[in-house]
Amino acid sequence: MYSIEMAYARMRELQDQANRSRAHKLAEPRARRLFGRAAAAKKR
């Protein structure tokens, strides 16, 4: 039997997975921008 609790737990798992995926995709370009600026500043 598939209960409301099981459906809710699955929904939370999917939301957490989506949030981790989105955070990972956003973190990489942000880090690249920050480190890129720091590297450019050091070169000058």
Protein backbone atom coordinates (compact mmCIF):
# COMPACT_ATOMS: atom_id res chain seq x y z
CA MET A 1 0.00 0.00 0.00
CA TYR A 2 1.26 3.47 -0.92
CA SER A 3 0.49 5.85 1.92
CA ILE A 4 0.38 9.62 2.05
CA GLU A 5 3.47 9.52 4.27
CA MET A 6 5.41 7.53 1.68
CA ALA A 7 4.37 9.92 -1.08
CA TYR A 8 5.40 12.90 1.06
CA ALA A 9 8.78 11.32 1.87
CA ARG A 10 9.40 10.68 -1.83
CA MET A 11 8.43 14.25 -2.69
CA ARG A 12 10.92 15.56 -0.11
CA GLU A 13 13.66 13.32 -1.53
CA LEU A 14 13.05 14.66 -5.01
CA GLN A 15 13.00 18.26 -3.80
CA ASP A 16 16.27 17.79 -1.90
CA GLN A 17 17.86 16.18 -4.94
CA ALA A 18 16.69 19.03 -7.18
CA ASN A 19 17.99 21.64 -4.71
CA ARG A 20 21.40 19.96 -4.53
CA SER A 21 21.58 19.78 -8.30
CA ARG A 22 20.64 23.45 -8.70
CA ALA A 23 23.07 24.56 -5.98
CA HIS A 24 25.88 22.59 -7.61
CA LYS A 25 25.17 24.11 -11.02
CA LEU A 26 25.10 27.64 -9.57
CA ALA A 27 28.18 27.24 -7.36
CA GLU A 28 30.61 26.40 -10.15
CA PRO A 29 30.21 29.58 -12.28
CA ARG A 30 30.07 31.72 -9.13
CA ALA A 31 33.37 30.25 -7.90
CA ARG A 32 34.90 30.67 -11.33
CA ARG A 33 33.90 34.35 -11.40
CA LEU A 34 35.25 35.01 -7.91
CA PHE A 35 38.54 33.20 -8.49
CA GLY A 36 38.84 34.67 -11.95
CA ARG A 37 38.62 38.20 -10.56
CA ALA A 38 41.13 37.40 -7.82
CA ALA A 39 43.54 35.99 -10.39
CA ALA A 40 43.07 39.02 -12.66
CA ALA A 41 43.69 41.37 -9.71
CA LYS A 42 46.89 39.53 -8.77
CA LYS A 43 48.26 39.77 -12.33
CA ARG A 44 48.02 43.56 -12.28
